[in-house]
Amino acid sequence: MYLSRLKIKNYRSIHNLELSFSKGKNVIIGKNNAGKSNIVKAIDIVLGESSPAYNKYENITPNDFYNGTTEDILIWVELSRDTGEKLNYEEIYKAYGFKYHAVRQWGEAYLHALDESSFDNFMDDLSAKMQITEDEVYTYYVNPKKDGDFEKQFGNKHQFGYCFRAYIEDSRIQKDIRFFYRENPSSRWTLAFSAPIRNELLQSAIINSFRDPSNELRINQWSWYGKLLRRSIDTNNVNLQRAFSQLGTVSNELFTDLHAKLKDSHIKIAFPNTEICFQFTTIPYLHKTS
């Protein structure tokens, strides 16, 4: 899976931009203030760290609208899957389900065309698709709790697209993200009304100069670094478990001395009937609890 195309409209210094990428390494070169960082940031808005509270993130501010206007921001990110490339369904089934536009209630997809004849036509079509709501059409729910549902949707699909839109309504910034997928470049797209499956296919990571490692190397289930650790470390490794156990034993001994000092100090007078406890625990995210 790799990023194959990017289209940006009205984001920061970028009015209209279309880029194609090849599989492997791609290098973006330009003068200072040419917009290189804005390209990377646009990709990261769609493919970066995500969580159920995605819409609440302050990833778009009034200054992000092109040239001080209030025209909609549109970012299209397209991924391509090689023939024979297997999808990681173990991760995909951990994502939320989603509804897609269906012809009938029992699941046949209504397929959408996006005009490829020009950038403007494509973005106009994309904007029109973003106006469709699930309340006005038939939908089918892809259920992560139903075995085989994701395989049925993605088994023969080799192109995946995401459209992010930011717009101003009632003086507030609103954001939408939609998920598209199809078999090949000559096929039409299935339109999903949400995009819970993104990082499971491809995740971006912006690695800056480490000025704040505690923030940039956060370990949780949404951060790229946390996911990298989880995929790289065998939590069932006996030596790792033994090391955590030994570290826990030593740390708890240190906490015991600290607890005794605090218990006999003036804190007990200031906060009567209050108990202070310390306990060392291993990083819970490294264990497969989700």
C-alpha atoms as a PDB file:
ATOM      1  CA  MET A   1       0.000   0.000   0.000  1.00  0.00           C
ATOM      2  CA  TYR A   2       1.381   3.394  -0.928  1.00  0.00           C
ATOM      3  CA  LEU A   3       0.273   6.984  -1.408  1.00  0.00           C
ATOM      4  CA  SER A   4      -0.317   7.382  -5.138  1.00  0.00           C
ATOM      5  CA  ARG A   5      -2.119  10.731  -5.558  1.00  0.00           C
ATOM      6  CA  LEU A   6      -2.768  13.923  -3.651  1.00  0.00           C
ATOM      7  CA  LYS A   7      -5.081  16.797  -4.541  1.00  0.00           C
ATOM      8  CA  ILE A   8      -5.342  19.944  -2.410  1.00  0.00           C
ATOM      9  CA  LYS A   9      -7.656  22.920  -2.787  1.00  0.00           C
ATOM     10  CA  ASN A  10      -7.673  26.101  -0.682  1.00  0.00           C
ATOM     11  CA  TYR A  11      -5.377  24.901   2.104  1.00  0.00           C
ATOM     12  CA  ARG A  12      -2.972  27.445   3.592  1.00  0.00           C
ATOM     13  CA  SER A  13      -0.732  28.747   0.761  1.00  0.00           C
ATOM     14  CA  ILE A  14      -2.047  26.151  -1.694  1.00  0.00           C
ATOM     15  CA  HIS A  15      -4.872  27.192  -3.995  1.00  0.00           C
ATOM     16  CA  ASN A  16      -4.860  24.211  -6.361  1.00  0.00           C
ATOM     17  CA  LEU A  17      -2.345  21.387  -6.315  1.00  0.00           C
ATOM     18  CA  GLU A  18      -2.202  17.879  -7.733  1.00  0.00           C
ATOM     19  CA  LEU A  19       0.688  15.472  -7.157  1.00  0.00           C
ATOM     20  CA  SER A  20       1.304  11.882  -8.188  1.00  0.00           C
ATOM     21  CA  PHE A  21       3.649   9.626  -6.230  1.00  0.00           C
ATOM     22  CA  SER A  22       5.470   6.463  -7.162  1.00  0.00           C
ATOM     23  CA  LYS A  23       5.922   3.418  -4.994  1.00  0.00           C
ATOM     24  CA  GLY A  24       9.067   3.769  -2.893  1.00  0.00           C
ATOM     25  CA  LYS A  25      10.852   6.966  -1.916  1.00  0.00           C
ATOM     26  CA  ASN A  26       9.504  10.316  -3.112  1.00  0.00           C
ATOM     27  CA  VAL A  27      11.274  13.612  -2.450  1.00  0.00           C
ATOM     28  CA  ILE A  28       9.568  17.015  -2.465  1.00  0.00           C
ATOM     29  CA  ILE A  29      11.987  19.813  -3.371  1.00  0.00           C
ATOM     30  CA  GLY A  30      11.281  23.541  -3.427  1.00  0.00           C
ATOM     31  CA  LYS A  31      12.383  26.974  -2.308  1.00  0.00           C
ATOM     32  CA  ASN A  32      11.704  28.291   1.172  1.00  0.00           C
ATOM     33  CA  ASN A  33       8.032  29.148   1.695  1.00  0.00           C
ATOM     34  CA  ALA A  34       7.059  27.297  -1.468  1.00  0.00           C
ATOM     35  CA  GLY A  35       4.563  25.160   0.443  1.00  0.00           C
ATOM     36  CA  LYS A  36       6.473  21.919   1.020  1.00  0.00           C
ATOM     37  CA  SER A  37       5.513  21.746   4.686  1.00  0.00           C
ATOM     38  CA  ASN A  38       1.885  22.457   3.815  1.00  0.00           C
ATOM     39  CA  ILE A  39       1.848  19.465   1.471  1.00  0.00           C
ATOM     40  CA  VAL A  40       3.171  17.197   4.205  1.00  0.00           C
ATOM     41  CA  LYS A  41       0.731  18.642   6.733  1.00  0.00           C
ATOM     42  CA  ALA A  42      -2.200  18.099   4.378  1.00  0.00           C
ATOM     43  CA  ILE A  43      -1.287  14.429   4.053  1.00  0.00           C
ATOM     44  CA  ASP A  44      -0.950  14.143   7.809  1.00  0.00           C
ATOM     45  CA  ILE A  45      -4.403  15.644   8.407  1.00  0.00           C
ATOM     46  CA  VAL A  46      -5.869  12.634   6.598  1.00  0.00           C
ATOM     47  CA  LEU A  47      -3.408   9.833   7.346  1.00  0.00           C
ATOM     48  CA  GLY A  48      -1.890  11.009  10.617  1.00  0.00           C
ATOM     49  CA  GLU A  49      -2.735   9.922  14.137  1.00  0.00           C
ATOM     50  CA  SER A  50      -6.468   9.433  14.512  1.00  0.00           C
ATOM     51  CA  SER A  51      -8.882   8.610  17.284  1.00  0.00           C
ATOM     52  CA  PRO A  52     -12.635   8.549  17.806  1.00  0.00           C
ATOM     53  CA  ALA A  53     -12.414  12.239  18.773  1.00  0.00           C
ATOM     54  CA  TYR A  54     -10.878  13.122  15.387  1.00  0.00           C
ATOM     55  CA  ASN A  55     -13.424  15.830  14.604  1.00  0.00           C
ATOM     56  CA  LYS A  56     -12.584  17.628  17.856  1.00  0.00           C
ATOM     57  CA  TYR A  57      -8.905  18.024  17.006  1.00  0.00           C
ATOM     58  CA  GLU A  58      -7.810  21.569  16.246  1.00  0.00           C
ATOM     59  CA  ASN A  59      -6.152  20.521  12.995  1.00  0.00           C
ATOM     60  CA  ILE A  60      -7.849  23.371  11.093  1.00  0.00           C
ATOM     61  CA  THR A  61      -7.895  27.024  12.158  1.00  0.00           C
ATOM     62  CA  PRO A  62      -9.200  30.136  10.334  1.00  0.00           C
ATOM     63  CA  ASN A  63      -5.642  30.816   9.164  1.00  0.00           C
ATOM     64  CA  ASP A  64      -5.606  27.507   7.265  1.00  0.00           C
ATOM     65  CA  PHE A  65      -8.141  28.728   4.702  1.00  0.00           C
ATOM     66  CA  TYR A  66      -6.426  29.892   1.530  1.00  0.00           C
ATOM     67  CA  ASN A  67      -5.564  33.583   1.321  1.00  0.00           C
ATOM     68  CA  GLY A  68      -7.959  34.570   4.098  1.00  0.00           C
ATOM     69  CA  THR A  69     -11.029  33.345   2.218  1.00  0.00           C
ATOM     70  CA  THR A  70     -13.790  31.104   3.551  1.00  0.00           C
ATOM     71  CA  GLU A  71     -13.862  28.757   0.562  1.00  0.00           C
ATOM     72  CA  ASP A  72     -13.996  25.075   1.462  1.00  0.00           C
ATOM     73  CA  ILE A  73     -10.735  23.250   2.044  1.00  0.00           C
ATOM     74  CA  LEU A  74     -10.627  19.955   0.157  1.00  0.00           C
ATOM     75  CA  ILE A  75      -7.853  17.375   0.528  1.00  0.00           C
ATOM     76  CA  TRP A  76      -7.971  14.173  -1.517  1.00  0.00           C
ATOM     77  CA  VAL A  77      -5.568  11.381  -0.588  1.00  0.00           C
ATOM     78  CA  GLU A  78      -5.472   8.254  -2.729  1.00  0.00           C
ATOM     79  CA  LEU A  79      -3.794   4.955  -1.843  1.00  0.00           C
ATOM     80  CA  SER A  80      -2.927   2.109  -4.195  1.00  0.00           C
ATOM     81  CA  ARG A  81      -2.623  -1.549  -3.326  1.00  0.00           C
ATOM     82  CA  ASP A  82      -0.387  -3.869  -5.330  1.00  0.00           C
ATOM     83  CA  THR A  83      -1.851  -6.931  -7.004  1.00  0.00           C
ATOM     84  CA  GLY A  84      -1.574  -9.812  -4.571  1.00  0.00           C
ATOM     85  CA  GLU A  85      -0.858  -7.536  -1.613  1.00  0.00           C
ATOM     86  CA  LYS A  86      -2.641  -8.787   1.493  1.00  0.00           C
ATOM     87  CA  LEU A  87      -4.496  -6.459   3.799  1.00  0.00           C
ATOM     88  CA  ASN A  88      -3.953  -6.607   7.547  1.00  0.00           C
ATOM     89  CA  TYR A  89      -7.466  -7.663   8.513  1.00  0.00           C
ATOM     90  CA  GLU A  90      -6.347  -8.271  12.096  1.00  0.00           C
ATOM     91  CA  GLU A  91      -5.916  -4.505  12.452  1.00  0.00           C
ATOM     92  CA  ILE A  92      -8.853  -3.577  10.221  1.00  0.00           C
ATOM     93  CA  TYR A  93     -11.290  -5.535  12.403  1.00  0.00           C
ATOM     94  CA  LYS A  94     -10.253  -3.391  15.379  1.00  0.00           C
ATOM     95  CA  ALA A  95     -11.648  -0.310  13.635  1.00  0.00           C
ATOM     96  CA  TYR A  96     -15.203   0.939  13.836  1.00  0.00           C
ATOM     97  CA  GLY A  97     -17.768  -0.044  11.247  1.00  0.00           C
ATOM     98  CA  PHE A  98     -19.132   2.358   8.658  1.00  0.00           C
ATOM     99  CA  LYS A  99     -22.092   2.931   6.357  1.00  0.00           C
ATOM    100  CA  TYR A 100     -21.782   3.215   2.601  1.00  0.00           C
ATOM    101  CA  HIS A 101     -24.173   4.455  -0.075  1.00  0.00           C
ATOM    102  CA  ALA A 102     -26.200   1.494  -1.265  1.00  0.00           C
ATOM    103  CA  VAL A 103     -28.764   0.985  -4.019  1.00  0.00           C
ATOM    104  CA  ARG A 104     -30.851  -1.337  -1.901  1.00  0.00           C
ATOM    105  CA  GLN A 105     -31.053  -1.966   1.781  1.00  0.00           C
ATOM    106  CA  TRP A 106     -29.432  -5.382   1.498  1.00  0.00           C
ATOM    107  CA  GLY A 107     -26.050  -4.125   0.468  1.00  0.00           C
ATOM    108  CA  GLU A 108     -25.492  -3.523  -3.257  1.00  0.00           C
ATOM    109  CA  ALA A 109     -23.239  -0.471  -3.547  1.00  0.00           C
ATOM    110  CA  TYR A 110     -24.249   2.629  -5.467  1.00  0.00           C
ATOM    111  CA  LEU A 111     -21.129   3.450  -7.475  1.00  0.00           C
ATOM    112  CA  HIS A 112     -19.935   7.034  -7.943  1.00  0.00           C
ATOM    113  CA  ALA A 113     -17.886   8.548 -10.752  1.00  0.00           C
ATOM    114  CA  LEU A 114     -15.312  11.298 -10.242  1.00  0.00           C
ATOM    115  CA  ASP A 115     -14.507  13.247 -13.403  1.00  0.00           C
ATOM    116  CA  GLU A 116     -10.796  12.822 -14.137  1.00  0.00           C
ATOM    117  CA  SER A 117     -10.740  15.113 -17.174  1.00  0.00           C
ATOM    118  CA  SER A 118      -9.409  18.061 -15.158  1.00  0.00           C
ATOM    119  CA  PHE A 119      -8.479  19.069 -11.621  1.00  0.00           C
ATOM    120  CA  ASP A 120     -11.440  21.426 -11.332  1.00  0.00           C
ATOM    121  CA  ASN A 121     -13.941  18.858 -12.579  1.00  0.00           C
ATOM    122  CA  PHE A 122     -12.617  16.252 -10.173  1.00  0.00           C
ATOM    123  CA  MET A 123     -12.792  18.578  -7.179  1.00  0.00           C
ATOM    124  CA  ASP A 124     -16.269  19.808  -8.174  1.00  0.00           C
ATOM    125  CA  ASP A 125     -17.480  16.194  -8.321  1.00  0.00           C
ATOM    126  CA  LEU A 126     -15.790  15.462  -5.019  1.00  0.00           C
ATOM    127  CA  SER A 127     -17.421  18.488  -3.399  1.00  0.00           C
ATOM    128  CA  ALA A 128     -20.820  17.320  -4.642  1.00  0.00           C
ATOM    129  CA  LYS A 129     -20.272  13.833  -3.181  1.00  0.00           C
ATOM    130  CA  MET A 130     -19.422  15.398   0.170  1.00  0.00           C
ATOM    131  CA  GLN A 131     -22.844  17.059   0.186  1.00  0.00           C
ATOM    132  CA  ILE A 132     -24.648  13.694   0.131  1.00  0.00           C
ATOM    133  CA  THR A 133     -25.824  12.638   3.573  1.00  0.00           C
ATOM    134  CA  GLU A 134     -26.611   9.151   4.800  1.00  0.00           C
ATOM    135  CA  ASP A 135     -30.098  10.299   5.819  1.00  0.00           C
ATOM    136  CA  GLU A 136     -31.186  10.893   2.222  1.00  0.00           C
ATOM    137  CA  VAL A 137     -30.023   7.622   0.626  1.00  0.00           C
ATOM    138  CA  TYR A 138     -30.057   3.902   1.310  1.00  0.00           C
ATOM    139  CA  THR A 139     -27.047   2.700   3.273  1.00  0.00           C
ATOM    140  CA  TYR A 140     -25.450  -0.591   4.206  1.00  0.00           C
ATOM    141  CA  TYR A 141     -23.538  -1.023   7.450  1.00  0.00           C
ATOM    142  CA  VAL A 142     -20.169  -2.797   7.341  1.00  0.00           C
ATOM    143  CA  ASN A 143     -19.985  -4.480  10.717  1.00  0.00           C
ATOM    144  CA  PRO A 144     -16.600  -5.274  12.340  1.00  0.00           C
ATOM    145  CA  LYS A 145     -18.375  -7.806  14.571  1.00  0.00           C
ATOM    146  CA  LYS A 146     -19.583  -9.759  11.553  1.00  0.00           C
ATOM    147  CA  ASP A 147     -16.999 -12.223  10.253  1.00  0.00           C
ATOM    148  CA  GLY A 148     -16.076 -11.640   6.635  1.00  0.00           C
ATOM    149  CA  ASP A 149     -17.752  -8.242   6.247  1.00  0.00           C
ATOM    150  CA  PHE A 150     -14.509  -6.334   5.685  1.00  0.00           C
ATOM    151  CA  GLU A 151     -13.104  -9.034   3.399  1.00  0.00           C
ATOM    152  CA  LYS A 152     -16.274  -8.815   1.320  1.00  0.00           C
ATOM    153  CA  GLN A 153     -15.786  -5.064   0.898  1.00  0.00           C
ATOM    154  CA  PHE A 154     -12.035  -4.873   0.364  1.00  0.00           C
ATOM    155  CA  GLY A 155     -10.974  -8.263  -0.993  1.00  0.00           C
ATOM    156  CA  ASN A 156     -10.917  -7.164  -4.653  1.00  0.00           C
ATOM    157  CA  LYS A 157     -10.362  -3.440  -4.068  1.00  0.00           C
ATOM    158  CA  HIS A 158      -7.013  -1.929  -5.020  1.00  0.00           C
ATOM    159  CA  GLN A 159      -7.613   1.798  -4.733  1.00  0.00           C
ATOM    160  CA  PHE A 160      -8.698   3.663  -1.628  1.00  0.00           C
ATOM    161  CA  GLY A 161      -9.429   7.373  -1.360  1.00  0.00           C
ATOM    162  CA  TYR A 162     -10.136   9.815   1.452  1.00  0.00           C
ATOM    163  CA  CYS A 163     -11.677  13.230   1.086  1.00  0.00           C
ATOM    164  CA  PHE A 164     -11.275  15.710   3.911  1.00  0.00           C
ATOM    165  CA  ARG A 165     -13.385  18.843   3.825  1.00  0.00           C
ATOM    166  CA  ALA A 166     -13.268  21.837   6.159  1.00  0.00           C
ATOM    167  CA  TYR A 167     -15.811  24.630   5.833  1.00  0.00           C
ATOM    168  CA  ILE A 168     -17.219  27.512   7.831  1.00  0.00           C
ATOM    169  CA  GLU A 169     -20.841  27.389   8.907  1.00  0.00           C
ATOM    170  CA  ASP A 170     -22.452  29.748  11.404  1.00  0.00           C
ATOM    171  CA  SER A 171     -19.004  31.253  12.059  1.00  0.00           C
ATOM    172  CA  ARG A 172     -17.654  27.875  13.150  1.00  0.00           C
ATOM    173  CA  ILE A 173     -15.253  25.512  11.406  1.00  0.00           C
ATOM    174  CA  GLN A 174     -16.879  22.205  10.466  1.00  0.00           C
ATOM    175  CA  LYS A 175     -15.035  19.116   9.227  1.00  0.00           C
ATOM    176  CA  ASP A 176     -15.998  15.978   7.318  1.00  0.00           C
ATOM    177  CA  ILE A 177     -14.017  13.021   6.089  1.00  0.00           C
ATOM    178  CA  ARG A 178     -15.303  10.378   3.681  1.00  0.00           C
ATOM    179  CA  PHE A 179     -13.922   7.054   2.509  1.00  0.00           C
ATOM    180  CA  PHE A 180     -13.931   5.847  -1.110  1.00  0.00           C
ATOM    181  CA  TYR A 181     -12.787   2.516  -2.548  1.00  0.00           C
ATOM    182  CA  ARG A 182     -12.852   0.768  -5.929  1.00  0.00           C
ATOM    183  CA  GLU A 183     -11.394  -2.176  -7.834  1.00  0.00           C
ATOM    184  CA  ASN A 184      -9.139  -0.357 -10.335  1.00  0.00           C
ATOM    185  CA  PRO A 185      -8.638   3.018 -12.109  1.00  0.00           C
ATOM    186  CA  SER A 186     -11.424   2.295 -14.601  1.00  0.00           C
ATOM    187  CA  SER A 187     -13.982   1.445 -11.910  1.00  0.00           C
ATOM    188  CA  ARG A 188     -16.385   3.738 -10.089  1.00  0.00           C
ATOM    189  CA  TRP A 189     -16.126   4.414  -6.386  1.00  0.00           C
ATOM    190  CA  THR A 190     -18.058   3.130  -3.404  1.00  0.00           C
ATOM    191  CA  LEU A 191     -18.781   6.063  -1.069  1.00  0.00           C
ATOM    192  CA  ALA A 192     -18.628   5.545   2.709  1.00  0.00           C
ATOM    193  CA  PHE A 193     -20.008   8.225   5.001  1.00  0.00           C
ATOM    194  CA  SER A 194     -17.190   8.023   7.534  1.00  0.00           C
ATOM    195  CA  ALA A 195     -13.566   6.953   7.433  1.00  0.00           C
ATOM    196  CA  PRO A 196     -12.716   4.893  10.514  1.00  0.00           C
ATOM    197  CA  ILE A 197     -10.272   2.793   8.496  1.00  0.00           C
ATOM    198  CA  ARG A 198      -7.236   4.910   7.654  1.00  0.00           C
ATOM    199  CA  ASN A 199      -4.206   4.122   9.767  1.00  0.00           C
ATOM    200  CA  GLU A 200      -4.965   0.421   9.292  1.00  0.00           C
ATOM    201  CA  LEU A 201      -4.088   0.842   5.597  1.00  0.00           C
ATOM    202  CA  LEU A 202      -1.360   3.475   5.793  1.00  0.00           C
ATOM    203  CA  GLN A 203      -0.281   5.934   8.468  1.00  0.00           C
ATOM    204  CA  SER A 204       1.805   9.053   8.031  1.00  0.00           C
ATOM    205  CA  ALA A 205       4.402  10.149  10.542  1.00  0.00           C
ATOM    206  CA  ILE A 206       6.071  13.566  10.618  1.00  0.00           C
ATOM    207  CA  ILE A 207       9.441  13.205  12.318  1.00  0.00           C
ATOM    208  CA  ASN A 208      10.780  16.617  13.255  1.00  0.00           C
ATOM    209  CA  SER A 209      14.021  17.490  14.981  1.00  0.00           C
ATOM    210  CA  PHE A 210      13.480  16.142  18.492  1.00  0.00           C
ATOM    211  CA  ARG A 211      12.991  19.232  20.615  1.00  0.00           C
ATOM    212  CA  ASP A 212      10.328  17.640  22.798  1.00  0.00           C
ATOM    213  CA  PRO A 213      10.806  13.834  22.804  1.00  0.00           C
ATOM    214  CA  SER A 214       8.224  13.269  25.556  1.00  0.00           C
ATOM    215  CA  ASN A 215       5.558  14.710  23.262  1.00  0.00           C
ATOM    216  CA  GLU A 216       6.847  13.583  19.870  1.00  0.00           C
ATOM    217  CA  LEU A 217       7.469  10.012  21.074  1.00  0.00           C
ATOM    218  CA  ARG A 218       4.203   9.581  22.942  1.00  0.00           C
ATOM    219  CA  ILE A 219       3.187   5.977  23.492  1.00  0.00           C
ATOM    220  CA  ASN A 220      -0.525   5.304  23.077  1.00  0.00           C
ATOM    221  CA  GLN A 221      -2.760   3.373  20.740  1.00  0.00           C
ATOM    222  CA  TRP A 222      -3.159   6.334  18.341  1.00  0.00           C
ATOM    223  CA  SER A 223       0.434   7.563  17.991  1.00  0.00           C
ATOM    224  CA  TRP A 224       2.636   6.263  15.184  1.00  0.00           C
ATOM    225  CA  TYR A 225       5.399   5.570  17.711  1.00  0.00           C
ATOM    226  CA  GLY A 226       3.069   3.544  19.927  1.00  0.00           C
ATOM    227  CA  LYS A 227       1.931   1.474  16.947  1.00  0.00           C
ATOM    228  CA  LEU A 228       5.534   0.978  15.835  1.00  0.00           C
ATOM    229  CA  LEU A 229       6.481  -0.322  19.281  1.00  0.00           C
ATOM    230  CA  ARG A 230       3.502  -2.623  19.420  1.00  0.00           C
ATOM    231  CA  ARG A 231       4.303  -4.174  16.055  1.00  0.00           C
ATOM    232  CA  SER A 232       8.017  -4.415  16.792  1.00  0.00           C
ATOM    233  CA  ILE A 233       8.011  -5.771  20.338  1.00  0.00           C
ATOM    234  CA  ASP A 234       6.947  -9.281  21.245  1.00  0.00           C
ATOM    235  CA  THR A 235       5.144  -8.707  24.539  1.00  0.00           C
ATOM    236  CA  ASN A 236       5.109 -12.446  25.187  1.00  0.00           C
ATOM    237  CA  ASN A 237       8.895 -12.573  25.210  1.00  0.00           C
ATOM    238  CA  VAL A 238       9.963 -14.278  28.447  1.00  0.00           C
ATOM    239  CA  ASN A 239      13.048 -12.078  28.882  1.00  0.00           C
ATOM    240  CA  LEU A 240      10.975  -8.906  28.469  1.00  0.00           C
ATOM    241  CA  GLN A 241       8.410 -10.073  31.023  1.00  0.00           C
ATOM    242  CA  ARG A 242      11.173 -11.026  33.458  1.00  0.00           C
ATOM    243  CA  ALA A 243      12.812  -7.600  33.049  1.00  0.00           C
ATOM    244  CA  PHE A 244       9.517  -5.817  33.749  1.00  0.00           C
ATOM    245  CA  SER A 245       8.991  -8.003  36.803  1.00  0.00           C
ATOM    246  CA  GLN A 246      12.451  -7.231  38.180  1.00  0.00           C
ATOM    247  CA  LEU A 247      12.019  -3.513  37.486  1.00  0.00           C
ATOM    248  CA  GLY A 248       8.663  -3.594  39.225  1.00  0.00           C
ATOM    249  CA  THR A 249      10.107  -5.299  42.291  1.00  0.00           C
ATOM    250  CA  VAL A 250      12.936  -2.766  42.684  1.00  0.00           C
ATOM    251  CA  SER A 251      10.629   0.200  42.056  1.00  0.00           C
ATOM    252  CA  ASN A 252       8.052  -1.015  44.555  1.00  0.00           C
ATOM    253  CA  GLU A 253      10.799  -1.320  47.179  1.00  0.00           C
ATOM    254  CA  LEU A 254      11.746   2.310  46.573  1.00  0.00           C
ATOM    255  CA  PHE A 255       8.127   3.372  46.776  1.00  0.00           C
ATOM    256  CA  THR A 256       7.769   1.498  50.065  1.00  0.00           C
ATOM    257  CA  ASP A 257      10.421   3.682  51.706  1.00  0.00           C
ATOM    258  CA  LEU A 258       8.861   6.822  50.251  1.00  0.00           C
ATOM    259  CA  HIS A 259       5.418   5.737  51.436  1.00  0.00           C
ATOM    260  CA  ALA A 260       6.692   5.234  54.987  1.00  0.00           C
ATOM    261  CA  LYS A 261       8.270   8.700  55.074  1.00  0.00           C
ATOM    262  CA  LEU A 262       5.125  10.376  53.776  1.00  0.00           C
ATOM    263  CA  LYS A 263       2.914   8.420  56.151  1.00  0.00           C
ATOM    264  CA  ASP A 264       4.888   9.660  59.168  1.00  0.00           C
ATOM    265  CA  SER A 265       5.225  13.235  57.929  1.00  0.00           C
ATOM    266  CA  HIS A 266       3.166  16.358  58.370  1.00  0.00           C
ATOM    267  CA  ILE A 267       1.061  15.327  55.352  1.00  0.00           C
ATOM    268  CA  LYS A 268      -0.887  13.061  57.668  1.00  0.00           C
ATOM    269  CA  ILE A 269      -1.733  16.054  59.815  1.00  0.00           C
ATOM    270  CA  ALA A 270      -2.672  18.253  56.855  1.00  0.00           C
ATOM    271  CA  PHE A 271      -4.716  15.528  55.156  1.00  0.00           C
ATOM    272  CA  PRO A 272      -6.162  13.253  57.854  1.00  0.00           C
ATOM    273  CA  ASN A 273      -7.699   9.933  56.828  1.00  0.00           C
ATOM    274  CA  THR A 274      -5.823  10.108  53.518  1.00  0.00           C
ATOM    275  CA  GLU A 275      -3.688   7.259  52.194  1.00  0.00           C
ATOM    276  CA  ILE A 276      -0.958   7.790  49.584  1.00  0.00           C
ATOM    277  CA  CYS A 277      -0.019   4.768  47.491  1.00  0.00           C
ATOM    278  CA  PHE A 278       2.664   4.216  44.868  1.00  0.00           C
ATOM    279  CA  GLN A 279       2.866   1.321  42.473  1.00  0.00           C
ATOM    280  CA  PHE A 280       5.039   0.670  39.450  1.00  0.00           C
ATOM    281  CA  THR A 281       3.259  -0.673  36.368  1.00  0.00           C
ATOM    282  CA  THR A 282       4.551  -1.608  32.941  1.00  0.00           C
ATOM    283  CA  ILE A 283       3.357   0.324  29.888  1.00  0.00           C
ATOM    284  CA  PRO A 284      -0.148  -1.076  29.362  1.00  0.00           C
ATOM    285  CA  TYR A 285      -0.250  -0.286  25.665  1.00  0.00           C
ATOM    286  CA  LEU A 286       2.571  -2.702  24.954  1.00  0.00           C
ATOM    287  CA  HIS A 287       0.240  -5.471  26.029  1.00  0.00           C
ATOM    288  CA  LYS A 288      -2.430  -6.541  23.569  1.00  0.00           C
ATOM    289  CA  THR A 289      -5.436  -5.308  25.471  1.00  0.00           C
ATOM    290  CA  SER A 290      -7.377  -3.690  22.638  1.00  0.00           C
END
